[in-house]
Amino acid sequence: MSEQISFEIESVMMALCELERELDKVKARVEGMKKELLSFTQEEAKKAKNEALDEVKKQIEDELAKAKAKAEKEAEDMLAKSEEKMKELKAKVKKVYDQALDIVLRTILGEGEAS
């Protein structure tokens, strides 16, 4: 019976050794999968970051384009108003110049007192 017990013990020991080898293989596979998952996660995080940065850049460019268009429109409006004011001012200067010229001529010709 002791041979039987020795054989059974040896069988159990071999089974345990085999189980330990299988566990080591599973552990190694899990470590490999863990590394792959970490690498995949890092790549996806990088992609997400780049996509987010691209989206923010696009939004900023759109906002800048809108602000530029608005500023250009305001500048055009101000220029148009300035040109209108300049025309009004030129008309007033011409009127005053014509009046002054008329006064000077009447005074020189002796046609009356200057108004």
PDB file of N, CA and C in Angstrom:
ATOM      1  N   MET A   1       0.808  -1.176   0.000  1.00  0.00           N
ATOM      2  CA  MET A   1       0.000   0.000   0.000  1.00  0.00           C
ATOM      3  C   MET A   1       0.866   1.261   0.000  1.00  0.00           C
ATOM      4  N   SER A   2       2.021   1.166   0.534  1.00  0.00           N
ATOM      5  CA  SER A   2       2.868   2.334   0.590  1.00  0.00           C
ATOM      6  C   SER A   2       3.329   2.714  -0.801  1.00  0.00           C
ATOM      7  N   GLU A   3       3.495   1.755  -1.707  1.00  0.00           N
ATOM      8  CA  GLU A   3       3.812   2.081  -3.092  1.00  0.00           C
ATOM      9  C   GLU A   3       2.653   2.813  -3.745  1.00  0.00           C
ATOM     10  N   GLN A   4       1.472   2.337  -3.409  1.00  0.00           N
ATOM     11  CA  GLN A   4       0.266   2.984  -3.944  1.00  0.00           C
ATOM     12  C   GLN A   4       0.192   4.432  -3.466  1.00  0.00           C
ATOM     13  N   ILE A   5       0.468   4.646  -2.217  1.00  0.00           N
ATOM     14  CA  ILE A   5       0.429   5.998  -1.638  1.00  0.00           C
ATOM     15  C   ILE A   5       1.527   6.846  -2.271  1.00  0.00           C
ATOM     16  N   SER A   6       2.706   6.261  -2.433  1.00  0.00           N
ATOM     17  CA  SER A   6       3.811   6.989  -3.053  1.00  0.00           C
ATOM     18  C   SER A   6       3.452   7.369  -4.485  1.00  0.00           C
ATOM     19  N   PHE A   7       2.837   6.439  -5.225  1.00  0.00           N
ATOM     20  CA  PHE A   7       2.428   6.707  -6.594  1.00  0.00           C
ATOM     21  C   PHE A   7       1.382   7.819  -6.637  1.00  0.00           C
ATOM     22  N   GLU A   8       0.431   7.751  -5.728  1.00  0.00           N
ATOM     23  CA  GLU A   8      -0.617   8.771  -5.679  1.00  0.00           C
ATOM     24  C   GLU A   8      -0.039  10.137  -5.306  1.00  0.00           C
ATOM     25  N   ILE A   9       0.882  10.132  -4.365  1.00  0.00           N
ATOM     26  CA  ILE A   9       1.526  11.388  -3.955  1.00  0.00           C
ATOM     27  C   ILE A   9       2.312  11.958  -5.132  1.00  0.00           C
ATOM     28  N   GLU A  10       3.043  11.066  -5.811  1.00  0.00           N
ATOM     29  CA  GLU A  10       3.818  11.500  -6.957  1.00  0.00           C
ATOM     30  C   GLU A  10       2.886  12.028  -8.060  1.00  0.00           C
ATOM     31  N   SER A  11       1.740  11.375  -8.275  1.00  0.00           N
ATOM     32  CA  SER A  11       0.775  11.826  -9.272  1.00  0.00           C
ATOM     33  C   SER A  11       0.220  13.195  -8.901  1.00  0.00           C
ATOM     34  N   VAL A  12      -0.093  13.346  -7.616  1.00  0.00           N
ATOM     35  CA  VAL A  12      -0.605  14.633  -7.141  1.00  0.00           C
ATOM     36  C   VAL A  12       0.464  15.708  -7.314  1.00  0.00           C
ATOM     37  N   MET A  13       1.730  15.383  -7.006  1.00  0.00           N
ATOM     38  CA  MET A  13       2.828  16.343  -7.132  1.00  0.00           C
ATOM     39  C   MET A  13       3.011  16.745  -8.605  1.00  0.00           C
ATOM     40  N   MET A  14       2.914  15.758  -9.502  1.00  0.00           N
ATOM     41  CA  MET A  14       3.048  16.053 -10.930  1.00  0.00           C
ATOM     42  C   MET A  14       1.883  16.923 -11.401  1.00  0.00           C
ATOM     43  N   ALA A  15       0.694  16.618 -10.908  1.00  0.00           N
ATOM     44  CA  ALA A  15      -0.471  17.414 -11.271  1.00  0.00           C
ATOM     45  C   ALA A  15      -0.322  18.839 -10.755  1.00  0.00           C
ATOM     46  N   LEU A  16       0.193  18.963  -9.552  1.00  0.00           N
ATOM     47  CA  LEU A  16       0.419  20.296  -8.976  1.00  0.00           C
ATOM     48  C   LEU A  16       1.483  21.061  -9.772  1.00  0.00           C
ATOM     49  N   CYS A  17       2.540  20.340 -10.178  1.00  0.00           N
ATOM     50  CA  CYS A  17       3.578  20.988 -10.991  1.00  0.00           C
ATOM     51  C   CYS A  17       2.998  21.439 -12.322  1.00  0.00           C
ATOM     52  N   GLU A  18       2.207  20.574 -12.942  1.00  0.00           N
ATOM     53  CA  GLU A  18       1.562  20.933 -14.210  1.00  0.00           C
ATOM     54  C   GLU A  18       0.631  22.134 -14.016  1.00  0.00           C
ATOM     55  N   LEU A  19      -0.130  22.106 -12.931  1.00  0.00           N
ATOM     56  CA  LEU A  19      -1.030  23.213 -12.617  1.00  0.00           C
ATOM     57  C   LEU A  19      -0.238  24.504 -12.424  1.00  0.00           C
ATOM     58  N   GLU A  20       0.907  24.398 -11.747  1.00  0.00           N
ATOM     59  CA  GLU A  20       1.747  25.572 -11.521  1.00  0.00           C
ATOM     60  C   GLU A  20       2.282  26.117 -12.844  1.00  0.00           C
ATOM     61  N   ARG A  21       2.696  25.217 -13.757  1.00  0.00           N
ATOM     62  CA  ARG A  21       3.168  25.649 -15.076  1.00  0.00           C
ATOM     63  C   ARG A  21       2.038  26.345 -15.844  1.00  0.00           C
ATOM     64  N   GLU A  22       0.859  25.773 -15.793  1.00  0.00           N
ATOM     65  CA  GLU A  22      -0.294  26.383 -16.464  1.00  0.00           C
ATOM     66  C   GLU A  22      -0.621  27.744 -15.863  1.00  0.00           C
ATOM     67  N   LEU A  23      -0.546  27.830 -14.547  1.00  0.00           N
ATOM     68  CA  LEU A  23      -0.795  29.120 -13.885  1.00  0.00           C
ATOM     69  C   LEU A  23       0.250  30.153 -14.294  1.00  0.00           C
ATOM     70  N   ASP A  24       1.501  29.710 -14.412  1.00  0.00           N
ATOM     71  CA  ASP A  24       2.560  30.623 -14.859  1.00  0.00           C
ATOM     72  C   ASP A  24       2.286  31.110 -16.277  1.00  0.00           C
ATOM     73  N   LYS A  25       1.830  30.194 -17.160  1.00  0.00           N
ATOM     74  CA  LYS A  25       1.494  30.569 -18.530  1.00  0.00           C
ATOM     75  C   LYS A  25       0.343  31.578 -18.542  1.00  0.00           C
ATOM     76  N   VAL A  26      -0.686  31.293 -17.726  1.00  0.00           N
ATOM     77  CA  VAL A  26      -1.826  32.206 -17.646  1.00  0.00           C
ATOM     78  C   VAL A  26      -1.378  33.563 -17.110  1.00  0.00           C
ATOM     79  N   LYS A  27      -0.523  33.520 -16.100  1.00  0.00           N
ATOM     80  CA  LYS A  27      -0.012  34.770 -15.528  1.00  0.00           C
ATOM     81  C   LYS A  27       0.763  35.560 -16.586  1.00  0.00           C
ATOM     82  N   ALA A  28       1.601  34.856 -17.366  1.00  0.00           N
ATOM     83  CA  ALA A  28       2.369  35.526 -18.416  1.00  0.00           C
ATOM     84  C   ALA A  28       1.427  36.104 -19.482  1.00  0.00           C
ATOM     85  N   ARG A  29       0.387  35.363 -19.866  1.00  0.00           N
ATOM     86  CA  ARG A  29      -0.583  35.862 -20.840  1.00  0.00           C
ATOM     87  C   ARG A  29      -1.315  37.080 -20.297  1.00  0.00           C
ATOM     88  N   VAL A  30      -1.679  37.021 -19.023  1.00  0.00           N
ATOM     89  CA  VAL A  30      -2.367  38.154 -18.394  1.00  0.00           C
ATOM     90  C   VAL A  30      -1.454  39.377 -18.386  1.00  0.00           C
ATOM     91  N   GLU A  31      -0.177  39.181 -18.077  1.00  0.00           N
ATOM     92  CA  GLU A  31       0.772  40.300 -18.089  1.00  0.00           C
ATOM     93  C   GLU A  31       0.895  40.878 -19.502  1.00  0.00           C
ATOM     94  N   GLY A  32       0.948  39.997 -20.508  1.00  0.00           N
ATOM     95  CA  GLY A  32       1.018  40.458 -21.892  1.00  0.00           C
ATOM     96  C   GLY A  32      -0.232  41.229 -22.272  1.00  0.00           C
ATOM     97  N   MET A  33      -1.374  40.708 -21.903  1.00  0.00           N
ATOM     98  CA  MET A  33      -2.636  41.391 -22.202  1.00  0.00           C
ATOM     99  C   MET A  33      -2.697  42.732 -21.481  1.00  0.00           C
ATOM    100  N   LYS A  34      -2.185  42.742 -20.265  1.00  0.00           N
ATOM    101  CA  LYS A  34      -2.166  43.977 -19.479  1.00  0.00           C
ATOM    102  C   LYS A  34      -1.318  45.037 -20.196  1.00  0.00           C
ATOM    103  N   LYS A  35      -0.160  44.619 -20.713  1.00  0.00           N
ATOM    104  CA  LYS A  35       0.701  45.553 -21.442  1.00  0.00           C
ATOM    105  C   LYS A  35       0.019  46.032 -22.714  1.00  0.00           C
ATOM    106  N   GLU A  36      -0.620  45.105 -23.442  1.00  0.00           N
ATOM    107  CA  GLU A  36      -1.333  45.482 -24.652  1.00  0.00           C
ATOM    108  C   GLU A  36      -2.460  46.459 -24.342  1.00  0.00           C
ATOM    109  N   LEU A  37      -3.190  46.175 -23.280  1.00  0.00           N
ATOM    110  CA  LEU A  37      -4.292  47.059 -22.889  1.00  0.00           C
ATOM    111  C   LEU A  37      -3.768  48.434 -22.515  1.00  0.00           C
ATOM    112  N   LEU A  38      -2.671  48.478 -21.784  1.00  0.00           N
ATOM    113  CA  LEU A  38      -2.071  49.761 -21.401  1.00  0.00           C
ATOM    114  C   LEU A  38      -1.617  50.527 -22.645  1.00  0.00           C
ATOM    115  N   SER A  39      -0.975  49.827 -23.571  1.00  0.00           N
ATOM    116  CA  SER A  39      -0.524  50.460 -24.811  1.00  0.00           C
ATOM    117  C   SER A  39      -1.720  50.965 -25.609  1.00  0.00           C
ATOM    118  N   PHE A  40      -2.746  50.138 -25.728  1.00  0.00           N
ATOM    119  CA  PHE A  40      -3.952  50.526 -26.455  1.00  0.00           C
ATOM    120  C   PHE A  40      -4.597  51.745 -25.803  1.00  0.00           C
ATOM    121  N   THR A  41      -4.669  51.726 -24.493  1.00  0.00           N
ATOM    122  CA  THR A  41      -5.268  52.844 -23.753  1.00  0.00           C
ATOM    123  C   THR A  41      -4.487  54.129 -23.989  1.00  0.00           C
ATOM    124  N   GLN A  42      -3.165  54.027 -23.974  1.00  0.00           N
ATOM    125  CA  GLN A  42      -2.336  55.210 -24.211  1.00  0.00           C
ATOM    126  C   GLN A  42      -2.536  55.752 -25.628  1.00  0.00           C
ATOM    127  N   GLU A  43      -2.599  54.838 -26.599  1.00  0.00           N
ATOM    128  CA  GLU A  43      -2.820  55.264 -27.986  1.00  0.00           C
ATOM    129  C   GLU A  43      -4.176  55.939 -28.135  1.00  0.00           C
ATOM    130  N   GLU A  44      -5.202  55.361 -27.552  1.00  0.00           N
ATOM    131  CA  GLU A  44      -6.538  55.937 -27.638  1.00  0.00           C
ATOM    132  C   GLU A  44      -6.601  57.283 -26.927  1.00  0.00           C
ATOM    133  N   ALA A  45      -5.903  57.380 -25.800  1.00  0.00           N
ATOM    134  CA  ALA A  45      -5.864  58.664 -25.078  1.00  0.00           C
ATOM    135  C   ALA A  45      -5.184  59.726 -25.937  1.00  0.00           C
ATOM    136  N   LYS A  46      -4.102  59.333 -26.626  1.00  0.00           N
ATOM    137  CA  LYS A  46      -3.408  60.261 -27.510  1.00  0.00           C
ATOM    138  C   LYS A  46      -4.322  60.714 -28.641  1.00  0.00           C
ATOM    139  N   LYS A  47      -5.031  59.742 -29.233  1.00  0.00           N
ATOM    140  CA  LYS A  47      -5.958  60.071 -30.321  1.00  0.00           C
ATOM    141  C   LYS A  47      -7.040  61.034 -29.828  1.00  0.00           C
ATOM    142  N   ALA A  48      -7.610  60.711 -28.665  1.00  0.00           N
ATOM    143  CA  ALA A  48      -8.668  61.560 -28.116  1.00  0.00           C
ATOM    144  C   ALA A  48      -8.139  62.969 -27.833  1.00  0.00           C
ATOM    145  N   LYS A  49      -6.939  63.049 -27.301  1.00  0.00           N
ATOM    146  CA  LYS A  49      -6.327  64.353 -27.010  1.00  0.00           C
ATOM    147  C   LYS A  49      -6.129  65.142 -28.299  1.00  0.00           C
ATOM    148  N   ASN A  50      -5.582  64.475 -29.326  1.00  0.00           N
ATOM    149  CA  ASN A  50      -5.351  65.153 -30.605  1.00  0.00           C
ATOM    150  C   ASN A  50      -6.662  65.583 -31.247  1.00  0.00           C
ATOM    151  N   GLU A  51      -7.683  64.734 -31.168  1.00  0.00           N
ATOM    152  CA  GLU A  51      -8.986  65.105 -31.718  1.00  0.00           C
ATOM    153  C   GLU A  51      -9.563  66.303 -30.974  1.00  0.00           C
ATOM    154  N   ALA A  52      -9.427  66.285 -29.654  1.00  0.00           N
ATOM    155  CA  ALA A  52      -9.935  67.409 -28.860  1.00  0.00           C
ATOM    156  C   ALA A  52      -9.174  68.692 -29.202  1.00  0.00           C
ATOM    157  N   LEU A  53      -7.854  68.580 -29.342  1.00  0.00           N
ATOM    158  CA  LEU A  53      -7.052  69.759 -29.692  1.00  0.00           C
ATOM    159  C   LEU A  53      -7.412  70.272 -31.084  1.00  0.00           C
ATOM    160  N   ASP A  54      -7.624  69.344 -32.016  1.00  0.00           N
ATOM    161  CA  ASP A  54      -8.034  69.752 -33.364  1.00  0.00           C
ATOM    162  C   ASP A  54      -9.379  70.472 -33.327  1.00  0.00           C
ATOM    163  N   GLU A  55     -10.305  69.957 -32.541  1.00  0.00           N
ATOM    164  CA  GLU A  55     -11.633  70.570 -32.439  1.00  0.00           C
ATOM    165  C   GLU A  55     -11.533  71.971 -31.816  1.00  0.00           C
ATOM    166  N   VAL A  56     -10.728  72.092 -30.767  1.00  0.00           N
ATOM    167  CA  VAL A  56     -10.543  73.397 -30.124  1.00  0.00           C
ATOM    168  C   VAL A  56      -9.875  74.374 -31.099  1.00  0.00           C
ATOM    169  N   LYS A  57      -8.876  73.866 -31.840  1.00  0.00           N
ATOM    170  CA  LYS A  57      -8.196  74.716 -32.823  1.00  0.00           C
ATOM    171  C   LYS A  57      -9.181  75.194 -33.882  1.00  0.00           C
ATOM    172  N   LYS A  58     -10.025  74.293 -34.347  1.00  0.00           N
ATOM    173  CA  LYS A  58     -11.026  74.653 -35.358  1.00  0.00           C
ATOM    174  C   LYS A  58     -11.990  75.700 -34.800  1.00  0.00           C
ATOM    175  N   GLN A  59     -12.437  75.504 -33.557  1.00  0.00           N
ATOM    176  CA  GLN A  59     -13.352  76.470 -32.951  1.00  0.00           C
ATOM    177  C   GLN A  59     -12.687  77.833 -32.809  1.00  0.00           C
ATOM    178  N   ILE A  60     -11.424  77.832 -32.397  1.00  0.00           N
ATOM    179  CA  ILE A  60     -10.695  79.094 -32.236  1.00  0.00           C
ATOM    180  C   ILE A  60     -10.553  79.787 -33.591  1.00  0.00           C
ATOM    181  N   GLU A  61     -10.196  79.002 -34.624  1.00  0.00           N
ATOM    182  CA  GLU A  61     -10.066  79.586 -35.960  1.00  0.00           C
ATOM    183  C   GLU A  61     -11.393  80.161 -36.436  1.00  0.00           C
ATOM    184  N   ASP A  62     -12.494  79.432 -36.167  1.00  0.00           N
ATOM    185  CA  ASP A  62     -13.818  79.938 -36.553  1.00  0.00           C
ATOM    186  C   ASP A  62     -14.135  81.234 -35.818  1.00  0.00           C
ATOM    187  N   GLU A  63     -13.861  81.261 -34.520  1.00  0.00           N
ATOM    188  CA  GLU A  63     -14.127  82.473 -33.730  1.00  0.00           C
ATOM    189  C   GLU A  63     -13.268  83.638 -34.222  1.00  0.00           C
ATOM    190  N   LEU A  64     -12.009  83.351 -34.537  1.00  0.00           N
ATOM    191  CA  LEU A  64     -11.127  84.407 -35.050  1.00  0.00           C
ATOM    192  C   LEU A  64     -11.627  84.932 -36.391  1.00  0.00           C
ATOM    193  N   ALA A  65     -12.082  84.024 -37.249  1.00  0.00           N
ATOM    194  CA  ALA A  65     -12.607  84.447 -38.555  1.00  0.00           C
ATOM    195  C   ALA A  65     -13.841  85.322 -38.369  1.00  0.00           C
ATOM    196  N   LYS A  66     -14.718  84.940 -37.440  1.00  0.00           N
ATOM    197  CA  LYS A  66     -15.916  85.749 -37.176  1.00  0.00           C
ATOM    198  C   LYS A  66     -15.528  87.119 -36.623  1.00  0.00           C
ATOM    199  N   ALA A  67     -14.588  87.115 -35.677  1.00  0.00           N
ATOM    200  CA  ALA A  67     -14.153  88.387 -35.084  1.00  0.00           C
ATOM    201  C   ALA A  67     -13.497  89.278 -36.139  1.00  0.00           C
ATOM    202  N   LYS A  68     -12.704  88.662 -37.016  1.00  0.00           N
ATOM    203  CA  LYS A  68     -12.049  89.431 -38.076  1.00  0.00           C
ATOM    204  C   LYS A  68     -13.093  90.028 -39.025  1.00  0.00           C
ATOM    205  N   ALA A  69     -14.080  89.220 -39.402  1.00  0.00           N
ATOM    206  CA  ALA A  69     -15.133  89.707 -40.308  1.00  0.00           C
ATOM    207  C   ALA A  69     -15.906  90.847 -39.653  1.00  0.00           C
ATOM    208  N   LYS A  70     -16.201  90.689 -38.362  1.00  0.00           N
ATOM    209  CA  LYS A  70     -16.933  91.730 -37.640  1.00  0.00           C
ATOM    210  C   LYS A  70     -16.102  93.017 -37.580  1.00  0.00           C
ATOM    211  N   ALA A  71     -14.809  92.871 -37.265  1.00  0.00           N
ATOM    212  CA  ALA A  71     -13.935  94.043 -37.179  1.00  0.00           C
ATOM    213  C   ALA A  71     -13.812  94.728 -38.539  1.00  0.00           C
ATOM    214  N   GLU A  72     -13.697  93.926 -39.598  1.00  0.00           N
ATOM    215  CA  GLU A  72     -13.615  94.516 -40.938  1.00  0.00           C
ATOM    216  C   GLU A  72     -14.896  95.256 -41.290  1.00  0.00           C
ATOM    217  N   LYS A  73     -16.039  94.684 -40.942  1.00  0.00           N
ATOM    218  CA  LYS A  73     -17.329  95.336 -41.198  1.00  0.00           C
ATOM    219  C   LYS A  73     -17.417  96.651 -40.431  1.00  0.00           C
ATOM    220  N   GLU A  74     -17.022  96.623 -39.154  1.00  0.00           N
ATOM    221  CA  GLU A  74     -17.043  97.838 -38.350  1.00  0.00           C
ATOM    222  C   GLU A  74     -16.103  98.895 -38.935  1.00  0.00           C
ATOM    223  N   ALA A  75     -14.933  98.452 -39.408  1.00  0.00           N
ATOM    224  CA  ALA A  75     -13.976  99.384 -40.003  1.00  0.00           C
ATOM    225  C   ALA A  75     -14.556  99.998 -41.278  1.00  0.00           C
ATOM    226  N   GLU A  76     -15.218  99.164 -42.089  1.00  0.00           N
ATOM    227  CA  GLU A  76     -15.846  99.688 -43.302  1.00  0.00           C
ATOM    228  C   GLU A  76     -16.938 100.693 -42.960  1.00  0.00           C
ATOM    229  N   ASP A  77     -17.743 100.378 -41.940  1.00  0.00           N
ATOM    230  CA  ASP A  77     -18.800 101.305 -41.525  1.00  0.00           C
ATOM    231  C   ASP A  77     -18.209 102.631 -41.048  1.00  0.00           C
ATOM    232  N   MET A  78     -17.150 102.526 -40.246  1.00  0.00           N
ATOM    233  CA  MET A  78     -16.516 103.742 -39.743  1.00  0.00           C
ATOM    234  C   MET A  78     -15.911 104.547 -40.887  1.00  0.00           C
ATOM    235  N   LEU A  79     -15.316 103.861 -41.853  1.00  0.00           N
ATOM    236  CA  LEU A  79     -14.732 104.545 -43.002  1.00  0.00           C
ATOM    237  C   LEU A  79     -15.824 105.248 -43.811  1.00  0.00           C
ATOM    238  N   ALA A  80     -16.947 104.573 -44.007  1.00  0.00           N
ATOM    239  CA  ALA A  80     -18.052 105.179 -44.756  1.00  0.00           C
ATOM    240  C   ALA A  80     -18.570 106.413 -44.022  1.00  0.00           C
ATOM    241  N   LYS A  81     -18.726 106.321 -42.699  1.00  0.00           N
ATOM    242  CA  LYS A  81     -19.174 107.470 -41.919  1.00  0.00           C
ATOM    243  C   LYS A  81     -18.154 108.605 -41.999  1.00  0.00           C
ATOM    244  N   SER A  82     -16.866 108.259 -41.930  1.00  0.00           N
ATOM    245  CA  SER A  82     -15.819 109.276 -42.008  1.00  0.00           C
ATOM    246  C   SER A  82     -15.840 109.974 -43.357  1.00  0.00           C
ATOM    247  N   GLU A  83     -16.038 109.192 -44.428  1.00  0.00           N
ATOM    248  CA  GLU A  83     -16.097 109.784 -45.764  1.00  0.00           C
ATOM    249  C   GLU A  83     -17.299 110.723 -45.881  1.00  0.00           C
ATOM    250  N   GLU A  84     -18.431 110.323 -45.308  1.00  0.00           N
ATOM    251  CA  GLU A  84     -19.630 111.180 -45.325  1.00  0.00           C
ATOM    252  C   GLU A  84     -19.363 112.466 -44.554  1.00  0.00           C
ATOM    253  N   LYS A  85     -18.751 112.353 -43.382  1.00  0.00           N
ATOM    254  CA  LYS A  85     -18.425 113.546 -42.587  1.00  0.00           C
ATOM    255  C   LYS A  85     -17.438 114.436 -43.348  1.00  0.00           C
ATOM    256  N   MET A  86     -16.489 113.795 -44.044  1.00  0.00           N
ATOM    257  CA  MET A  86     -15.512 114.565 -44.809  1.00  0.00           C
ATOM    258  C   MET A  86     -16.201 115.340 -45.926  1.00  0.00           C
ATOM    259  N   LYS A  87     -17.178 114.730 -46.596  1.00  0.00           N
ATOM    260  CA  LYS A  87     -17.933 115.420 -47.654  1.00  0.00           C
ATOM    261  C   LYS A  87     -18.692 116.599 -47.070  1.00  0.00           C
ATOM    262  N   GLU A  88     -19.318 116.370 -45.899  1.00  0.00           N
ATOM    263  CA  GLU A  88     -20.056 117.463 -45.250  1.00  0.00           C
ATOM    264  C   GLU A  88     -19.112 118.605 -44.893  1.00  0.00           C
ATOM    265  N   LEU A  89     -17.960 118.266 -44.360  1.00  0.00           N
ATOM    266  CA  LEU A  89     -16.980 119.268 -43.963  1.00  0.00           C
ATOM    267  C   LEU A  89     -16.473 120.042 -45.191  1.00  0.00           C
ATOM    268  N   LYS A  90     -16.192 119.335 -46.285  1.00  0.00           N
ATOM    269  CA  LYS A  90     -15.743 120.003 -47.514  1.00  0.00           C
ATOM    270  C   LYS A  90     -16.819 120.949 -48.032  1.00  0.00           C
ATOM    271  N   ALA A  91     -18.072 120.517 -47.960  1.00  0.00           N
ATOM    272  CA  ALA A  91     -19.171 121.378 -48.416  1.00  0.00           C
ATOM    273  C   ALA A  91     -19.250 122.636 -47.556  1.00  0.00           C
ATOM    274  N   LYS A  92     -19.113 122.474 -46.235  1.00  0.00           N
ATOM    275  CA  LYS A  92     -19.146 123.636 -45.344  1.00  0.00           C
ATOM    276  C   LYS A  92     -17.968 124.568 -45.622  1.00  0.00           C
ATOM    277  N   VAL A  93     -16.772 123.984 -45.814  1.00  0.00           N
ATOM    278  CA  VAL A  93     -15.585 124.803 -46.083  1.00  0.00           C
ATOM    279  C   VAL A  93     -15.776 125.563 -47.386  1.00  0.00           C
ATOM    280  N   LYS A  94     -16.303 124.892 -48.415  1.00  0.00           N
ATOM    281  CA  LYS A  94     -16.543 125.565 -49.700  1.00  0.00           C
ATOM    282  C   LYS A  94     -17.537 126.704 -49.539  1.00  0.00           C
ATOM    283  N   LYS A  95     -18.599 126.460 -48.770  1.00  0.00           N
ATOM    284  CA  LYS A  95     -19.615 127.500 -48.563  1.00  0.00           C
ATOM    285  C   LYS A  95     -19.004 128.713 -47.858  1.00  0.00           C
ATOM    286  N   VAL A  96     -18.250 128.415 -46.788  1.00  0.00           N
ATOM    287  CA  VAL A  96     -17.623 129.509 -46.049  1.00  0.00           C
ATOM    288  C   VAL A  96     -16.599 130.221 -46.944  1.00  0.00           C
ATOM    289  N   TYR A  97     -15.847 129.460 -47.730  1.00  0.00           N
ATOM    290  CA  TYR A  97     -14.858 130.052 -48.638  1.00  0.00           C
ATOM    291  C   TYR A  97     -15.554 130.948 -49.666  1.00  0.00           C
ATOM    292  N   ASP A  98     -16.642 130.427 -50.222  1.00  0.00           N
ATOM    293  CA  ASP A  98     -17.393 131.234 -51.202  1.00  0.00           C
ATOM    294  C   ASP A  98     -17.938 132.513 -50.563  1.00  0.00           C
ATOM    295  N   GLN A  99     -18.442 132.404 -49.339  1.00  0.00           N
ATOM    296  CA  GLN A  99     -18.963 133.581 -48.636  1.00  0.00           C
ATOM    297  C   GLN A  99     -17.839 134.570 -48.361  1.00  0.00           C
ATOM    298  N   ALA A 100     -16.700 134.042 -47.927  1.00  0.00           N
ATOM    299  CA  ALA A 100     -15.554 134.922 -47.629  1.00  0.00           C
ATOM    300  C   ALA A 100     -15.074 135.591 -48.903  1.00  0.00           C
ATOM    301  N   LEU A 101     -15.020 134.839 -49.983  1.00  0.00           N
ATOM    302  CA  LEU A 101     -14.590 135.401 -51.256  1.00  0.00           C
ATOM    303  C   LEU A 101     -15.562 136.498 -51.716  1.00  0.00           C
ATOM    304  N   ASP A 102     -16.837 136.240 -51.551  1.00  0.00           N
ATOM    305  CA  ASP A 102     -17.859 137.218 -51.924  1.00  0.00           C
ATOM    306  C   ASP A 102     -17.693 138.491 -51.107  1.00  0.00           C
ATOM    307  N   ILE A 103     -17.466 138.347 -49.815  1.00  0.00           N
ATOM    308  CA  ILE A 103     -17.280 139.515 -48.935  1.00  0.00           C
ATOM    309  C   ILE A 103     -16.048 140.302 -49.355  1.00  0.00           C
ATOM    310  N   VAL A 104     -14.949 139.557 -49.619  1.00  0.00           N
ATOM    311  CA  VAL A 104     -13.700 140.230 -50.008  1.00  0.00           C
ATOM    312  C   VAL A 104     -13.903 140.981 -51.323  1.00  0.00           C
ATOM    313  N   LEU A 105     -14.537 140.335 -52.281  1.00  0.00           N
ATOM    314  CA  LEU A 105     -14.766 140.990 -53.577  1.00  0.00           C
ATOM    315  C   LEU A 105     -15.650 142.219 -53.426  1.00  0.00           C
ATOM    316  N   ARG A 106     -16.720 142.115 -52.655  1.00  0.00           N
ATOM    317  CA  ARG A 106     -17.612 143.275 -52.463  1.00  0.00           C
ATOM    318  C   ARG A 106     -16.874 144.399 -51.759  1.00  0.00           C
ATOM    319  N   THR A 107     -16.029 143.998 -50.825  1.00  0.00           N
ATOM    320  CA  THR A 107     -15.281 145.037 -50.113  1.00  0.00           C
ATOM    321  C   THR A 107     -14.306 145.721 -51.061  1.00  0.00           C
ATOM    322  N   ILE A 108     -13.627 144.941 -51.862  1.00  0.00           N
ATOM    323  CA  ILE A 108     -12.636 145.501 -52.803  1.00  0.00           C
ATOM    324  C   ILE A 108     -13.372 146.383 -53.826  1.00  0.00           C
ATOM    325  N   LEU A 109     -14.506 145.934 -54.294  1.00  0.00           N
ATOM    326  CA  LEU A 109     -15.251 146.695 -55.310  1.00  0.00           C
ATOM    327  C   LEU A 109     -16.051 147.848 -54.691  1.00  0.00           C
ATOM    328  N   GLY A 110     -16.060 147.882 -53.386  1.00  0.00           N
ATOM    329  CA  GLY A 110     -16.740 148.955 -52.686  1.00  0.00           C
ATOM    330  C   GLY A 110     -18.257 148.845 -52.773  1.00  0.00           C
ATOM    331  N   GLU A 111     -18.783 147.694 -52.800  1.00  0.00           N
ATOM    332  CA  GLU A 111     -20.198 147.485 -52.917  1.00  0.00           C
ATOM    333  C   GLU A 111     -20.889 147.410 -51.567  1.00  0.00           C
ATOM    334  N   GLY A 112     -20.372 147.889 -50.615  1.00  0.00           N
ATOM    335  CA  GLY A 112     -21.069 147.870 -49.346  1.00  0.00           C
ATOM    336  C   GLY A 112     -20.191 147.339 -48.241  1.00  0.00           C
ATOM    337  N   GLU A 113     -20.770 147.382 -47.109  1.00  0.00           N
ATOM    338  CA  GLU A 113     -20.036 146.935 -45.942  1.00  0.00           C
ATOM    339  C   GLU A 113     -19.985 145.434 -45.879  1.00  0.00           C
ATOM    340  N   ALA A 114     -18.983 144.906 -45.250  1.00  0.00           N
ATOM    341  CA  ALA A 114     -18.859 143.460 -45.062  1.00  0.00           C
ATOM    342  C   ALA A 114     -19.848 143.027 -44.014  1.00  0.00           C
ATOM    343  N   SER A 115     -20.492 141.918 -44.243  1.00  0.00           N
ATOM    344  CA  SER A 115     -21.505 141.442 -43.297  1.00  0.00           C
ATOM    345  C   SER A 115     -20.889 140.652 -42.220  1.00  0.00           C
TER     346      SER A 115
END
